[in-house]
């Protein structure tokens, strides 16, 4: 099974801290606008997803989405969610921690791309 999104140990650690403070969480990859293109962390159910969003998978037990339009550009890309020092997005839960989530990306290998074509969507 090829995963479209994974998280570093540092990101998983921050997710665990935020889950302890806020309960169940979800992520949505911001497409730009106010907070740039960054992974945004919300209490689950606070950010409404719909038909215009694609679930890429889960990180730390939290669903991870992006808009369908953005997915069309990034569909050949594996995302790794990491943590770096700094302020998170204005609406993202990690803002007050002094850390922010960051998306690192790479193209899928030919083998991964072929496997993704055969596997069901997340």
N, C-alpha and C. Protein backbone atom coordinates (compact mmCIF):
# COMPACT_ATOMS: atom_id res chain seq x y z
N UNK A 1 0.85 -1.18 0.00
CA UNK A 1 0.00 0.00 0.00
C UNK A 1 0.90 1.25 0.00
N UNK A 2 0.72 2.09 -0.97
CA UNK A 2 1.48 3.34 -1.06
C UNK A 2 0.70 4.43 -0.35
N UNK A 3 1.37 5.11 0.57
CA UNK A 3 0.74 6.20 1.29
C UNK A 3 1.01 7.52 0.57
N UNK A 4 0.00 8.36 0.50
CA UNK A 4 0.16 9.67 -0.12
C UNK A 4 0.71 10.69 0.86
N UNK A 5 0.48 10.47 2.15
CA UNK A 5 0.94 11.40 3.16
C UNK A 5 1.46 10.62 4.37
N UNK A 6 2.61 11.05 4.90
CA UNK A 6 3.19 10.48 6.11
C UNK A 6 3.66 11.64 6.99
N UNK A 7 4.13 11.32 8.18
CA UNK A 7 4.60 12.35 9.11
C UNK A 7 5.90 11.91 9.75
N UNK A 8 6.75 12.88 10.03
CA UNK A 8 8.01 12.62 10.72
C UNK A 8 7.73 12.34 12.19
N UNK A 9 8.69 11.74 12.90
CA UNK A 9 8.52 11.55 14.35
C UNK A 9 8.22 12.87 15.08
N UNK A 10 8.87 13.96 14.68
CA UNK A 10 8.61 15.26 15.33
C UNK A 10 7.17 15.70 15.11
N UNK A 11 6.65 15.50 13.92
CA UNK A 11 5.26 15.87 13.64
C UNK A 11 4.31 14.99 14.44
N UNK A 12 4.59 13.70 14.51
CA UNK A 12 3.73 12.79 15.28
C UNK A 12 3.73 13.16 16.76
N UNK A 13 4.87 13.60 17.27
CA UNK A 13 4.96 14.03 18.67
C UNK A 13 4.10 15.27 18.91
N UNK A 14 4.17 16.24 18.02
CA UNK A 14 3.35 17.45 18.17
C UNK A 14 1.87 17.12 18.02
N UNK A 15 1.53 16.23 17.10
CA UNK A 15 0.13 15.80 16.95
C UNK A 15 -0.38 15.20 18.26
N UNK A 16 0.44 14.36 18.90
CA UNK A 16 0.03 13.73 20.17
C UNK A 16 -0.21 14.79 21.25
N UNK A 17 0.64 15.80 21.32
CA UNK A 17 0.46 16.89 22.29
C UNK A 17 -0.84 17.63 22.01
N UNK A 18 -1.06 17.98 20.75
CA UNK A 18 -2.27 18.72 20.38
C UNK A 18 -3.54 17.89 20.60
N UNK A 19 -3.45 16.58 20.35
CA UNK A 19 -4.62 15.71 20.60
C UNK A 19 -4.94 15.68 22.09
N UNK A 20 -3.90 15.68 22.93
CA UNK A 20 -4.11 15.71 24.37
C UNK A 20 -4.80 16.98 24.83
N UNK A 21 -4.53 18.09 24.14
CA UNK A 21 -5.13 19.37 24.50
C UNK A 21 -6.50 19.59 23.87
N UNK A 22 -6.70 19.11 22.65
CA UNK A 22 -7.89 19.48 21.86
C UNK A 22 -8.78 18.31 21.46
N UNK A 23 -8.38 17.08 21.75
CA UNK A 23 -9.17 15.93 21.32
C UNK A 23 -8.85 15.54 19.89
N UNK A 24 -9.80 14.89 19.23
CA UNK A 24 -9.58 14.43 17.85
C UNK A 24 -9.29 15.60 16.93
N UNK A 25 -8.35 15.37 16.00
CA UNK A 25 -7.90 16.42 15.09
C UNK A 25 -8.08 15.99 13.64
N UNK A 26 -7.94 16.96 12.76
CA UNK A 26 -7.89 16.71 11.32
C UNK A 26 -6.97 17.74 10.70
N UNK A 27 -6.47 17.43 9.50
CA UNK A 27 -5.59 18.34 8.77
C UNK A 27 -6.19 18.65 7.40
N UNK A 28 -5.92 19.88 6.95
CA UNK A 28 -6.26 20.27 5.59
C UNK A 28 -5.09 21.06 5.04
N UNK A 29 -4.58 20.63 3.89
CA UNK A 29 -3.46 21.32 3.25
C UNK A 29 -3.97 22.62 2.67
N UNK A 30 -3.50 23.73 3.22
CA UNK A 30 -3.91 25.04 2.74
C UNK A 30 -3.39 25.24 1.33
N UNK A 31 -4.19 25.86 0.50
CA UNK A 31 -3.80 26.09 -0.89
C UNK A 31 -3.19 27.46 -1.13
N UNK A 32 -2.93 28.20 -0.09
CA UNK A 32 -2.34 29.53 -0.26
C UNK A 32 -3.07 30.53 0.59
N UNK A 33 -3.49 31.62 0.01
CA UNK A 33 -4.24 32.67 0.68
C UNK A 33 -3.50 33.17 1.92
N UNK A 34 -4.18 33.29 3.02
CA UNK A 34 -3.65 33.94 4.23
C UNK A 34 -2.45 33.22 4.83
N UNK A 35 -2.50 31.91 4.88
CA UNK A 35 -1.47 31.15 5.59
C UNK A 35 -0.49 30.46 4.67
N UNK A 36 -0.42 30.86 3.42
CA UNK A 36 0.49 30.19 2.50
C UNK A 36 0.03 28.77 2.24
N UNK A 37 0.89 27.98 1.68
CA UNK A 37 0.57 26.58 1.42
C UNK A 37 1.16 25.75 2.54
N UNK A 38 0.36 25.54 3.58
CA UNK A 38 0.85 24.81 4.74
C UNK A 38 -0.24 23.87 5.26
N UNK A 39 0.18 22.82 5.96
CA UNK A 39 -0.82 21.93 6.55
C UNK A 39 -1.45 22.60 7.77
N UNK A 40 -2.75 22.66 7.76
CA UNK A 40 -3.49 23.31 8.84
C UNK A 40 -4.14 22.24 9.72
N UNK A 41 -3.97 22.38 11.03
CA UNK A 41 -4.49 21.42 12.00
C UNK A 41 -5.67 22.04 12.73
N UNK A 42 -6.78 21.31 12.75
CA UNK A 42 -8.02 21.79 13.37
C UNK A 42 -8.60 20.70 14.28
N UNK A 43 -9.41 21.11 15.28
CA UNK A 43 -10.20 20.09 15.97
C UNK A 43 -11.11 19.41 14.94
N UNK A 44 -11.23 18.10 15.03
CA UNK A 44 -12.04 17.38 14.05
C UNK A 44 -13.47 17.92 14.08
N UNK A 45 -13.99 18.21 12.89
CA UNK A 45 -15.34 18.72 12.75
C UNK A 45 -15.42 20.24 12.70
N UNK A 46 -14.33 20.93 13.07
CA UNK A 46 -14.36 22.40 13.03
C UNK A 46 -14.19 22.93 11.60
N UNK A 47 -13.42 22.22 10.79
CA UNK A 47 -13.25 22.58 9.38
C UNK A 47 -14.10 21.60 8.58
N UNK A 48 -15.06 22.10 7.86
CA UNK A 48 -15.97 21.23 7.13
C UNK A 48 -15.37 20.84 5.78
N UNK A 49 -15.30 19.55 5.54
CA UNK A 49 -14.84 19.05 4.24
C UNK A 49 -16.05 18.58 3.46
N UNK A 50 -15.92 18.59 2.15
CA UNK A 50 -17.03 18.19 1.30
C UNK A 50 -16.55 17.56 0.02
N UNK A 51 -17.41 17.58 -0.99
CA UNK A 51 -17.10 16.96 -2.27
C UNK A 51 -15.91 17.60 -2.97
N UNK A 52 -15.57 18.83 -2.58
CA UNK A 52 -14.44 19.51 -3.22
C UNK A 52 -13.12 19.20 -2.53
N UNK A 53 -13.12 18.26 -1.57
CA UNK A 53 -11.90 17.87 -0.86
C UNK A 53 -11.60 16.39 -1.09
N UNK A 54 -10.31 16.06 -1.04
CA UNK A 54 -9.83 14.69 -1.21
C UNK A 54 -9.11 14.27 0.06
N UNK A 55 -9.45 13.10 0.59
CA UNK A 55 -8.73 12.57 1.74
C UNK A 55 -7.50 11.83 1.22
N UNK A 56 -6.31 12.30 1.64
CA UNK A 56 -5.07 11.67 1.19
C UNK A 56 -4.69 10.49 2.06
N UNK A 57 -5.13 10.47 3.28
CA UNK A 57 -4.77 9.42 4.22
C UNK A 57 -4.88 9.94 5.63
N UNK A 58 -4.07 9.37 6.54
CA UNK A 58 -4.07 9.79 7.93
C UNK A 58 -2.64 9.92 8.42
N UNK A 59 -2.43 10.86 9.33
CA UNK A 59 -1.15 10.97 10.03
C UNK A 59 -1.46 11.04 11.52
N UNK A 60 -0.81 10.21 12.29
CA UNK A 60 -1.05 10.20 13.73
C UNK A 60 -2.49 9.94 14.09
N UNK A 61 -3.19 9.17 13.26
CA UNK A 61 -4.60 8.88 13.50
C UNK A 61 -5.55 10.01 13.13
N UNK A 62 -5.04 11.01 12.43
CA UNK A 62 -5.85 12.17 12.04
C UNK A 62 -6.01 12.21 10.53
N UNK A 63 -7.23 12.36 10.02
CA UNK A 63 -7.41 12.44 8.58
C UNK A 63 -6.73 13.68 8.00
N UNK A 64 -6.23 13.54 6.76
CA UNK A 64 -5.52 14.62 6.08
C UNK A 64 -6.16 14.84 4.72
N UNK A 65 -6.61 16.07 4.46
CA UNK A 65 -7.34 16.42 3.23
C UNK A 65 -6.64 17.55 2.48
N UNK A 66 -6.98 17.67 1.22
CA UNK A 66 -6.65 18.86 0.43
C UNK A 66 -7.76 19.06 -0.58
N UNK A 67 -7.84 20.27 -1.14
CA UNK A 67 -8.89 20.53 -2.11
C UNK A 67 -8.66 19.67 -3.36
N UNK A 68 -9.73 19.30 -4.01
CA UNK A 68 -9.66 18.49 -5.23
C UNK A 68 -8.84 19.21 -6.31
N UNK A 69 -9.03 20.52 -6.43
CA UNK A 69 -8.29 21.29 -7.45
C UNK A 69 -6.78 21.24 -7.16
N UNK A 70 -6.40 21.39 -5.90
CA UNK A 70 -4.98 21.32 -5.54
C UNK A 70 -4.45 19.90 -5.75
N UNK A 71 -5.27 18.90 -5.43
CA UNK A 71 -4.86 17.51 -5.61
C UNK A 71 -4.52 17.21 -7.07
N UNK A 72 -5.24 17.82 -7.99
CA UNK A 72 -4.96 17.59 -9.41
C UNK A 72 -3.53 17.99 -9.76
N UNK A 73 -3.00 19.02 -9.10
CA UNK A 73 -1.61 19.42 -9.32
C UNK A 73 -0.63 18.54 -8.56
N UNK A 74 -1.03 18.05 -7.38
CA UNK A 74 -0.12 17.34 -6.47
C UNK A 74 -0.33 15.82 -6.49
N UNK A 75 -1.14 15.31 -7.38
CA UNK A 75 -1.50 13.89 -7.35
C UNK A 75 -0.30 12.95 -7.53
N UNK A 76 0.77 13.44 -8.11
CA UNK A 76 1.97 12.62 -8.35
C UNK A 76 3.03 12.84 -7.28
N UNK A 77 2.61 13.43 -6.16
CA UNK A 77 3.54 13.85 -5.12
C UNK A 77 3.23 13.20 -3.78
N UNK A 78 4.26 12.66 -3.14
CA UNK A 78 4.15 12.16 -1.77
C UNK A 78 4.42 13.32 -0.83
N UNK A 79 3.59 13.47 0.20
CA UNK A 79 3.76 14.54 1.18
C UNK A 79 4.27 13.96 2.49
N UNK A 80 5.27 14.60 3.07
CA UNK A 80 5.75 14.27 4.40
C UNK A 80 5.53 15.50 5.26
N UNK A 81 4.75 15.35 6.31
CA UNK A 81 4.47 16.46 7.21
C UNK A 81 5.53 16.45 8.31
N UNK A 82 6.18 17.60 8.45
CA UNK A 82 7.27 17.76 9.40
C UNK A 82 6.94 18.94 10.32
N UNK A 83 7.84 19.21 11.26
CA UNK A 83 7.69 20.33 12.19
C UNK A 83 8.99 21.12 12.19
N UNK A 84 8.86 22.44 12.15
CA UNK A 84 10.02 23.33 12.24
C UNK A 84 9.69 24.44 13.24
N UNK A 85 10.71 25.11 13.77
CA UNK A 85 10.44 26.24 14.65
C UNK A 85 9.72 27.36 13.89
N UNK A 86 8.85 28.07 14.57
CA UNK A 86 8.14 29.19 13.95
C UNK A 86 6.69 29.20 14.34
N UNK A 87 5.97 30.17 13.82
CA UNK A 87 4.54 30.29 14.09
C UNK A 87 3.77 29.57 13.01
N UNK A 88 2.81 28.77 13.43
CA UNK A 88 1.95 28.07 12.48
C UNK A 88 0.96 29.01 11.84
N UNK A 89 0.12 28.44 11.00
CA UNK A 89 -0.92 29.23 10.36
C UNK A 89 -1.82 29.89 11.39
N UNK A 90 -2.37 31.01 11.02
CA UNK A 90 -3.18 31.81 11.93
C UNK A 90 -4.30 30.99 12.58
N UNK A 91 -4.88 30.05 11.85
CA UNK A 91 -6.00 29.28 12.36
C UNK A 91 -5.61 27.87 12.78
N UNK A 92 -4.35 27.50 12.62
CA UNK A 92 -3.90 26.14 12.92
C UNK A 92 -3.55 26.01 14.40
N UNK A 93 -3.88 24.87 14.99
CA UNK A 93 -3.75 24.68 16.43
C UNK A 93 -2.33 24.76 16.96
N UNK A 94 -1.33 24.50 16.15
CA UNK A 94 0.05 24.52 16.67
C UNK A 94 0.59 25.93 16.84
N UNK A 95 -0.13 26.95 16.39
CA UNK A 95 0.33 28.34 16.44
C UNK A 95 1.00 28.75 17.74
N UNK A 96 0.37 28.53 18.89
CA UNK A 96 0.95 28.99 20.16
C UNK A 96 2.15 28.17 20.65
N UNK A 97 2.49 27.07 20.00
CA UNK A 97 3.55 26.19 20.50
C UNK A 97 4.96 26.65 20.15
N UNK A 98 5.09 27.61 19.24
CA UNK A 98 6.42 27.99 18.79
C UNK A 98 6.95 27.08 17.69
N UNK A 99 6.10 26.17 17.24
CA UNK A 99 6.44 25.25 16.16
C UNK A 99 5.37 25.37 15.08
N UNK A 100 5.72 24.92 13.88
CA UNK A 100 4.70 24.91 12.83
C UNK A 100 4.87 23.67 11.98
N UNK A 101 3.75 23.17 11.48
CA UNK A 101 3.79 22.05 10.56
C UNK A 101 4.27 22.56 9.21
N UNK A 102 5.00 21.72 8.50
CA UNK A 102 5.56 22.06 7.20
C UNK A 102 5.39 20.84 6.28
N UNK A 103 5.02 21.08 5.04
CA UNK A 103 4.88 20.00 4.07
C UNK A 103 6.15 19.90 3.23
N UNK A 104 6.73 18.71 3.24
CA UNK A 104 7.86 18.40 2.35
C UNK A 104 7.31 17.45 1.30
N UNK A 105 7.81 17.54 0.09
CA UNK A 105 7.23 16.71 -0.97
C UNK A 105 8.31 16.12 -1.86
N UNK A 106 7.93 15.04 -2.50
CA UNK A 106 8.76 14.40 -3.52
C UNK A 106 7.82 13.72 -4.51
N UNK A 107 8.28 13.55 -5.74
CA UNK A 107 7.49 12.83 -6.73
C UNK A 107 7.48 11.34 -6.38
N UNK A 108 6.35 10.69 -6.65
CA UNK A 108 6.30 9.24 -6.50
C UNK A 108 7.24 8.60 -7.51
N UNK A 109 7.83 7.47 -7.13
CA UNK A 109 8.61 6.70 -8.09
C UNK A 109 7.65 6.08 -9.11
N UNK A 110 8.17 5.58 -10.21
CA UNK A 110 7.33 4.92 -11.20
C UNK A 110 6.59 3.73 -10.58
N UNK A 111 7.28 2.99 -9.71
CA UNK A 111 6.66 1.82 -9.06
C UNK A 111 5.53 2.26 -8.13
N UNK A 112 5.76 3.33 -7.35
CA UNK A 112 4.71 3.83 -6.46
C UNK A 112 3.51 4.34 -7.26
N UNK A 113 3.77 5.05 -8.33
CA UNK A 113 2.69 5.59 -9.17
C UNK A 113 1.84 4.45 -9.73
N UNK A 114 2.49 3.38 -10.18
CA UNK A 114 1.76 2.24 -10.73
C UNK A 114 0.92 1.58 -9.63
N UNK A 115 1.48 1.46 -8.44
CA UNK A 115 0.74 0.85 -7.32
C UNK A 115 -0.46 1.72 -6.94
N UNK A 116 -0.29 3.04 -6.96
CA UNK A 116 -1.41 3.93 -6.63
C UNK A 116 -2.56 3.77 -7.61
N UNK A 117 -2.25 3.53 -8.87
CA UNK A 117 -3.30 3.32 -9.88
C UNK A 117 -4.14 2.09 -9.58
N UNK A 118 -3.53 1.11 -8.92
CA UNK A 118 -4.22 -0.15 -8.63
C UNK A 118 -4.95 -0.16 -7.29
N UNK A 119 -4.59 0.72 -6.38
CA UNK A 119 -5.19 0.68 -5.05
C UNK A 119 -6.38 1.62 -4.94
N UNK A 120 -7.33 1.29 -4.05
CA UNK A 120 -8.49 2.16 -3.87
C UNK A 120 -8.09 3.48 -3.22
N UNK A 121 -8.91 4.50 -3.39
CA UNK A 121 -8.65 5.81 -2.79
C UNK A 121 -8.73 5.69 -1.28
N UNK A 122 -8.07 6.63 -0.59
CA UNK A 122 -8.02 6.62 0.89
C UNK A 122 -9.38 6.88 1.48
